[in-house]
């Protein structure tokens, strides 16, 4: 299931560079012009796997000089880190529906077969540590109107429906590793030499 979302993230990014007629070499060069050091090979590998962070998707968007939603302009043109820009975009979409809580979002993610706790979503959205796949899932759940700029709604909806069917069958999918939160404690196991 997770491969389906990674494939969509990959396809959305490939669409960006194909519409601009860029090769991976040209994209790597354009990325370096905006301060993002990537080789042609690393760019191609990231895009092929589709497991890259949302910040990389935004970097490709800017480097390729592709169109993006008008509501993203202030965030993308700000002199901030890429994480701050990505977080600003996400926070702006969340502010459009102030009654929508992270708990409600977490339940909505379950409906498409993704287990993400409210605390994990809060951290990932605040710090912009989410993948492009998770952003696409969020865009699908929220029906964010700009998602169709990158992918067809039918593809997003079909992938979400498939995830929902898996979830109902007892096969939940977690797209990203859990982020430690103050309430969660990570235990470290130490191996002691045998005597």
C-alpha atoms as a PDB file:
ATOM      1  CA  UNK A   1       0.000   0.000   0.000  1.00  0.00           C
ATOM      2  CA  UNK A   2       2.698   2.483   0.911  1.00  0.00           C
ATOM      3  CA  UNK A   3       4.301   1.933  -2.492  1.00  0.00           C
ATOM      4  CA  UNK A   4       1.136   3.293  -4.119  1.00  0.00           C
ATOM      5  CA  UNK A   5       1.518   6.633  -2.334  1.00  0.00           C
ATOM      6  CA  UNK A   6       5.254   6.748  -3.010  1.00  0.00           C
ATOM      7  CA  UNK A   7       4.496   6.105  -6.677  1.00  0.00           C
ATOM      8  CA  UNK A   8       2.063   9.033  -6.708  1.00  0.00           C
ATOM      9  CA  UNK A   9       4.674  11.289  -5.077  1.00  0.00           C
ATOM     10  CA  UNK A  10       7.171  10.203  -7.715  1.00  0.00           C
ATOM     11  CA  UNK A  11       4.698  10.758 -10.539  1.00  0.00           C
ATOM     12  CA  UNK A  12       3.686  14.228  -9.287  1.00  0.00           C
ATOM     13  CA  UNK A  13       7.331  15.279  -9.239  1.00  0.00           C
ATOM     14  CA  UNK A  14       8.106  13.769 -12.630  1.00  0.00           C
ATOM     15  CA  UNK A  15       5.107  15.648 -14.043  1.00  0.00           C
ATOM     16  CA  UNK A  16       6.636  18.905 -12.770  1.00  0.00           C
ATOM     17  CA  UNK A  17       9.934  18.390 -14.529  1.00  0.00           C
ATOM     18  CA  UNK A  18       8.428  16.876 -17.696  1.00  0.00           C
ATOM     19  CA  UNK A  19       6.113  19.856 -18.151  1.00  0.00           C
ATOM     20  CA  UNK A  20       9.201  22.070 -18.073  1.00  0.00           C
ATOM     21  CA  UNK A  21      11.178  19.744 -20.345  1.00  0.00           C
ATOM     22  CA  UNK A  22      13.989  19.311 -17.813  1.00  0.00           C
ATOM     23  CA  UNK A  23      16.391  16.397 -17.591  1.00  0.00           C
ATOM     24  CA  UNK A  24      17.614  15.179 -14.213  1.00  0.00           C
ATOM     25  CA  UNK A  25      20.963  16.864 -14.940  1.00  0.00           C
ATOM     26  CA  UNK A  26      19.240  20.185 -15.663  1.00  0.00           C
ATOM     27  CA  UNK A  27      17.117  19.824 -12.538  1.00  0.00           C
ATOM     28  CA  UNK A  28      20.205  19.137 -10.399  1.00  0.00           C
ATOM     29  CA  UNK A  29      21.801  22.268 -11.862  1.00  0.00           C
ATOM     30  CA  UNK A  30      18.648  24.324 -11.204  1.00  0.00           C
ATOM     31  CA  UNK A  31      18.520  23.003  -7.642  1.00  0.00           C
ATOM     32  CA  UNK A  32      22.121  24.084  -7.055  1.00  0.00           C
ATOM     33  CA  UNK A  33      21.186  27.584  -8.261  1.00  0.00           C
ATOM     34  CA  UNK A  34      18.715  27.857  -5.373  1.00  0.00           C
ATOM     35  CA  UNK A  35      21.245  26.482  -2.878  1.00  0.00           C
ATOM     36  CA  UNK A  36      20.238  22.814  -2.854  1.00  0.00           C
ATOM     37  CA  UNK A  37      23.225  20.586  -3.559  1.00  0.00           C
ATOM     38  CA  UNK A  38      22.122  17.406  -5.322  1.00  0.00           C
ATOM     39  CA  UNK A  39      23.809  15.335  -7.983  1.00  0.00           C
ATOM     40  CA  UNK A  40      21.994  14.186 -11.105  1.00  0.00           C
ATOM     41  CA  UNK A  41      22.069  10.646  -9.776  1.00  0.00           C
ATOM     42  CA  UNK A  42      20.693  11.551  -6.329  1.00  0.00           C
ATOM     43  CA  UNK A  43      17.881  13.603  -7.881  1.00  0.00           C
ATOM     44  CA  UNK A  44      16.925  10.748 -10.191  1.00  0.00           C
ATOM     45  CA  UNK A  45      17.050   8.222  -7.317  1.00  0.00           C
ATOM     46  CA  UNK A  46      14.932  10.335  -4.981  1.00  0.00           C
ATOM     47  CA  UNK A  47      12.307  11.015  -7.597  1.00  0.00           C
ATOM     48  CA  UNK A  48      12.223   7.391  -8.724  1.00  0.00           C
ATOM     49  CA  UNK A  49      11.714   6.075  -5.147  1.00  0.00           C
ATOM     50  CA  UNK A  50       9.123   8.728  -4.238  1.00  0.00           C
ATOM     51  CA  UNK A  51      10.109   8.613  -0.559  1.00  0.00           C
ATOM     52  CA  UNK A  52      11.485  12.152  -0.432  1.00  0.00           C
ATOM     53  CA  UNK A  53      10.399  14.850   2.025  1.00  0.00           C
ATOM     54  CA  UNK A  54       7.807  17.481   1.160  1.00  0.00           C
ATOM     55  CA  UNK A  55      10.573  20.093   1.309  1.00  0.00           C
ATOM     56  CA  UNK A  56      12.297  18.406  -1.655  1.00  0.00           C
ATOM     57  CA  UNK A  57       9.047  18.564  -3.628  1.00  0.00           C
ATOM     58  CA  UNK A  58       8.892  22.319  -2.947  1.00  0.00           C
ATOM     59  CA  UNK A  59      12.535  22.715  -3.973  1.00  0.00           C
ATOM     60  CA  UNK A  60      11.814  20.965  -7.277  1.00  0.00           C
ATOM     61  CA  UNK A  61       8.760  23.186  -7.727  1.00  0.00           C
ATOM     62  CA  UNK A  62      10.851  26.345  -7.354  1.00  0.00           C
ATOM     63  CA  UNK A  63      13.938  25.097  -9.221  1.00  0.00           C
ATOM     64  CA  UNK A  64      11.877  24.006 -12.230  1.00  0.00           C
ATOM     65  CA  UNK A  65      10.009  27.331 -12.221  1.00  0.00           C
ATOM     66  CA  UNK A  66       6.733  25.421 -12.325  1.00  0.00           C
ATOM     67  CA  UNK A  67       3.375  26.944 -11.491  1.00  0.00           C
ATOM     68  CA  UNK A  68       2.156  26.519  -7.951  1.00  0.00           C
ATOM     69  CA  UNK A  69      -0.935  27.608  -6.040  1.00  0.00           C
ATOM     70  CA  UNK A  70      -1.150  31.351  -5.491  1.00  0.00           C
ATOM     71  CA  UNK A  71      -1.726  30.758  -1.782  1.00  0.00           C
ATOM     72  CA  UNK A  72       1.791  29.258  -1.549  1.00  0.00           C
ATOM     73  CA  UNK A  73       3.536  32.360  -2.934  1.00  0.00           C
ATOM     74  CA  UNK A  74       4.238  34.175   0.343  1.00  0.00           C
ATOM     75  CA  UNK A  75       5.645  31.045   1.964  1.00  0.00           C
ATOM     76  CA  UNK A  76       7.777  30.016  -1.010  1.00  0.00           C
ATOM     77  CA  UNK A  77       9.211  33.500  -1.539  1.00  0.00           C
ATOM     78  CA  UNK A  78      10.021  34.034   2.156  1.00  0.00           C
ATOM     79  CA  UNK A  79      13.652  34.115   3.228  1.00  0.00           C
ATOM     80  CA  UNK A  80      13.274  31.094   5.499  1.00  0.00           C
ATOM     81  CA  UNK A  81      14.473  27.529   5.672  1.00  0.00           C
ATOM     82  CA  UNK A  82      12.696  25.036   3.457  1.00  0.00           C
ATOM     83  CA  UNK A  83      11.176  23.437   6.540  1.00  0.00           C
ATOM     84  CA  UNK A  84       9.735  26.789   7.630  1.00  0.00           C
ATOM     85  CA  UNK A  85       8.317  27.378   4.147  1.00  0.00           C
ATOM     86  CA  UNK A  86       6.724  23.923   4.054  1.00  0.00           C
ATOM     87  CA  UNK A  87       5.331  24.329   7.556  1.00  0.00           C
ATOM     88  CA  UNK A  88       3.869  27.705   6.596  1.00  0.00           C
ATOM     89  CA  UNK A  89       2.044  26.160   3.640  1.00  0.00           C
ATOM     90  CA  UNK A  90       0.616  23.392   5.805  1.00  0.00           C
ATOM     91  CA  UNK A  91      -0.321  25.726   8.661  1.00  0.00           C
ATOM     92  CA  UNK A  92      -2.126  28.010   6.218  1.00  0.00           C
ATOM     93  CA  UNK A  93      -4.266  25.120   4.962  1.00  0.00           C
ATOM     94  CA  UNK A  94      -4.995  24.046   8.534  1.00  0.00           C
ATOM     95  CA  UNK A  95      -6.042  27.599   9.455  1.00  0.00           C
ATOM     96  CA  UNK A  96      -8.738  27.477   6.773  1.00  0.00           C
ATOM     97  CA  UNK A  97     -10.649  25.048   8.991  1.00  0.00           C
ATOM     98  CA  UNK A  98      -9.776  25.997  12.598  1.00  0.00           C
ATOM     99  CA  UNK A  99     -12.212  23.430  14.003  1.00  0.00           C
ATOM    100  CA  UNK A 100     -10.209  20.599  12.429  1.00  0.00           C
ATOM    101  CA  UNK A 101      -8.084  19.048  15.174  1.00  0.00           C
ATOM    102  CA  UNK A 102      -5.116  16.728  14.843  1.00  0.00           C
ATOM    103  CA  UNK A 103      -7.258  14.024  16.448  1.00  0.00           C
ATOM    104  CA  UNK A 104      -9.845  14.429  13.680  1.00  0.00           C
ATOM    105  CA  UNK A 105      -7.078  14.363  11.067  1.00  0.00           C
ATOM    106  CA  UNK A 106      -5.679  11.195  12.593  1.00  0.00           C
ATOM    107  CA  UNK A 107      -9.099   9.530  12.323  1.00  0.00           C
ATOM    108  CA  UNK A 108      -9.400  10.717   8.713  1.00  0.00           C
ATOM    109  CA  UNK A 109      -6.024   9.196   7.896  1.00  0.00           C
ATOM    110  CA  UNK A 110      -7.294   5.886   9.270  1.00  0.00           C
ATOM    111  CA  UNK A 111     -10.144   6.013   6.754  1.00  0.00           C
ATOM    112  CA  UNK A 112      -7.570   5.735   3.955  1.00  0.00           C
ATOM    113  CA  UNK A 113      -5.537   3.065   5.735  1.00  0.00           C
ATOM    114  CA  UNK A 114      -2.836   5.181   7.366  1.00  0.00           C
ATOM    115  CA  UNK A 115      -2.082   5.081  11.068  1.00  0.00           C
ATOM    116  CA  UNK A 116      -0.662   8.401  12.215  1.00  0.00           C
ATOM    117  CA  UNK A 117      -1.248   9.566  15.764  1.00  0.00           C
ATOM    118  CA  UNK A 118      -2.444  13.097  16.421  1.00  0.00           C
ATOM    119  CA  UNK A 119       0.842  13.855  18.206  1.00  0.00           C
ATOM    120  CA  UNK A 120       2.888  12.539  15.284  1.00  0.00           C
ATOM    121  CA  UNK A 121       0.898  14.585  12.772  1.00  0.00           C
ATOM    122  CA  UNK A 122       1.285  17.695  14.908  1.00  0.00           C
ATOM    123  CA  UNK A 123       5.078  17.313  15.038  1.00  0.00           C
ATOM    124  CA  UNK A 124       5.429  16.441  11.346  1.00  0.00           C
ATOM    125  CA  UNK A 125       3.218  19.327  10.224  1.00  0.00           C
ATOM    126  CA  UNK A 126       4.783  21.839  12.614  1.00  0.00           C
ATOM    127  CA  UNK A 127       8.386  20.896  11.800  1.00  0.00           C
ATOM    128  CA  UNK A 128       7.691  19.970   8.139  1.00  0.00           C
ATOM    129  CA  UNK A 129       9.302  16.554   8.542  1.00  0.00           C
ATOM    130  CA  UNK A 130       6.596  14.842   6.509  1.00  0.00           C
ATOM    131  CA  UNK A 131       7.112  13.065   3.206  1.00  0.00           C
ATOM    132  CA  UNK A 132       5.503  14.169  -0.028  1.00  0.00           C
ATOM    133  CA  UNK A 133       3.408  10.979   0.169  1.00  0.00           C
ATOM    134  CA  UNK A 134       1.976  12.070   3.526  1.00  0.00           C
ATOM    135  CA  UNK A 135       1.298  15.535   2.121  1.00  0.00           C
ATOM    136  CA  UNK A 136      -0.592  13.965  -0.781  1.00  0.00           C
ATOM    137  CA  UNK A 137      -2.608  11.893   1.682  1.00  0.00           C
ATOM    138  CA  UNK A 138      -3.399  15.065   3.622  1.00  0.00           C
ATOM    139  CA  UNK A 139      -4.373  16.862   0.404  1.00  0.00           C
ATOM    140  CA  UNK A 140      -6.658  13.948  -0.517  1.00  0.00           C
ATOM    141  CA  UNK A 141      -8.352  13.866   2.880  1.00  0.00           C
ATOM    142  CA  UNK A 142      -8.818  17.626   2.980  1.00  0.00           C
ATOM    143  CA  UNK A 143      -9.747  17.849  -0.716  1.00  0.00           C
ATOM    144  CA  UNK A 144      -7.219  20.638  -1.152  1.00  0.00           C
ATOM    145  CA  UNK A 145      -8.045  22.167  -4.502  1.00  0.00           C
ATOM    146  CA  UNK A 146      -4.451  22.491  -5.691  1.00  0.00           C
ATOM    147  CA  UNK A 147      -3.806  18.728  -5.559  1.00  0.00           C
ATOM    148  CA  UNK A 148      -5.191  18.410  -9.083  1.00  0.00           C
ATOM    149  CA  UNK A 149      -2.325  20.617 -10.313  1.00  0.00           C
ATOM    150  CA  UNK A 150       0.016  17.693  -9.699  1.00  0.00           C
ATOM    151  CA  UNK A 151      -2.145  14.560 -10.008  1.00  0.00           C
ATOM    152  CA  UNK A 152      -5.601  13.531 -11.155  1.00  0.00           C
ATOM    153  CA  UNK A 153      -8.185  13.320  -8.398  1.00  0.00           C
ATOM    154  CA  UNK A 154      -9.196   9.887  -9.637  1.00  0.00           C
ATOM    155  CA  UNK A 155      -5.693   8.533  -8.933  1.00  0.00           C
ATOM    156  CA  UNK A 156      -5.626  10.042  -5.445  1.00  0.00           C
ATOM    157  CA  UNK A 157      -9.146   8.824  -4.695  1.00  0.00           C
ATOM    158  CA  UNK A 158      -8.475   5.294  -5.969  1.00  0.00           C
ATOM    159  CA  UNK A 159      -5.328   4.983  -3.870  1.00  0.00           C
ATOM    160  CA  UNK A 160      -7.147   6.322  -0.805  1.00  0.00           C
ATOM    161  CA  UNK A 161     -10.076   3.931  -1.371  1.00  0.00           C
ATOM    162  CA  UNK A 162      -7.697   0.991  -1.698  1.00  0.00           C
ATOM    163  CA  UNK A 163      -6.012   1.979   1.582  1.00  0.00           C
ATOM    164  CA  UNK A 164      -9.412   2.254   3.245  1.00  0.00           C
ATOM    165  CA  UNK A 165     -10.310  -1.253   2.094  1.00  0.00           C
ATOM    166  CA  UNK A 166      -7.042  -2.598   3.486  1.00  0.00           C
ATOM    167  CA  UNK A 167      -7.666  -0.843   6.786  1.00  0.00           C
ATOM    168  CA  UNK A 168     -11.145  -2.352   7.050  1.00  0.00           C
ATOM    169  CA  UNK A 169      -9.574  -5.737   6.366  1.00  0.00           C
ATOM    170  CA  UNK A 170      -7.177  -5.163   9.288  1.00  0.00           C
ATOM    171  CA  UNK A 171      -4.080  -4.160   7.312  1.00  0.00           C
ATOM    172  CA  UNK A 172      -3.229  -0.583   8.405  1.00  0.00           C
ATOM    173  CA  UNK A 173      -0.330   1.166   6.717  1.00  0.00           C
ATOM    174  CA  UNK A 174       2.075   3.621   8.261  1.00  0.00           C
ATOM    175  CA  UNK A 175       3.852   5.684   5.639  1.00  0.00           C
ATOM    176  CA  UNK A 176       6.541   7.229   7.806  1.00  0.00           C
ATOM    177  CA  UNK A 177       8.527   6.300  10.886  1.00  0.00           C
ATOM    178  CA  UNK A 178       7.124   7.498  14.157  1.00  0.00           C
ATOM    179  CA  UNK A 179       8.436  10.782  15.471  1.00  0.00           C
ATOM    180  CA  UNK A 180       9.346  10.792  19.163  1.00  0.00           C
ATOM    181  CA  UNK A 181       7.107  13.109  21.143  1.00  0.00           C
ATOM    182  CA  UNK A 182       7.441  14.269  24.734  1.00  0.00           C
ATOM    183  CA  UNK A 183       4.858  11.698  25.858  1.00  0.00           C
ATOM    184  CA  UNK A 184       6.563   8.802  24.118  1.00  0.00           C
ATOM    185  CA  UNK A 185       9.744   7.324  25.495  1.00  0.00           C
ATOM    186  CA  UNK A 186      12.205   5.459  23.375  1.00  0.00           C
ATOM    187  CA  UNK A 187      13.964   2.611  25.064  1.00  0.00           C
ATOM    188  CA  UNK A 188      17.460   1.706  24.083  1.00  0.00           C
ATOM    189  CA  UNK A 189      18.529  -1.860  24.415  1.00  0.00           C
ATOM    190  CA  UNK A 190      22.116  -2.434  25.371  1.00  0.00           C
ATOM    191  CA  UNK A 191      23.889  -5.620  24.558  1.00  0.00           C
ATOM    192  CA  UNK A 192      26.239  -6.809  27.238  1.00  0.00           C
ATOM    193  CA  UNK A 193      29.030  -9.215  26.436  1.00  0.00           C
ATOM    194  CA  UNK A 194      28.419 -12.725  27.680  1.00  0.00           C
ATOM    195  CA  UNK A 195      30.755 -13.972  30.375  1.00  0.00           C
END
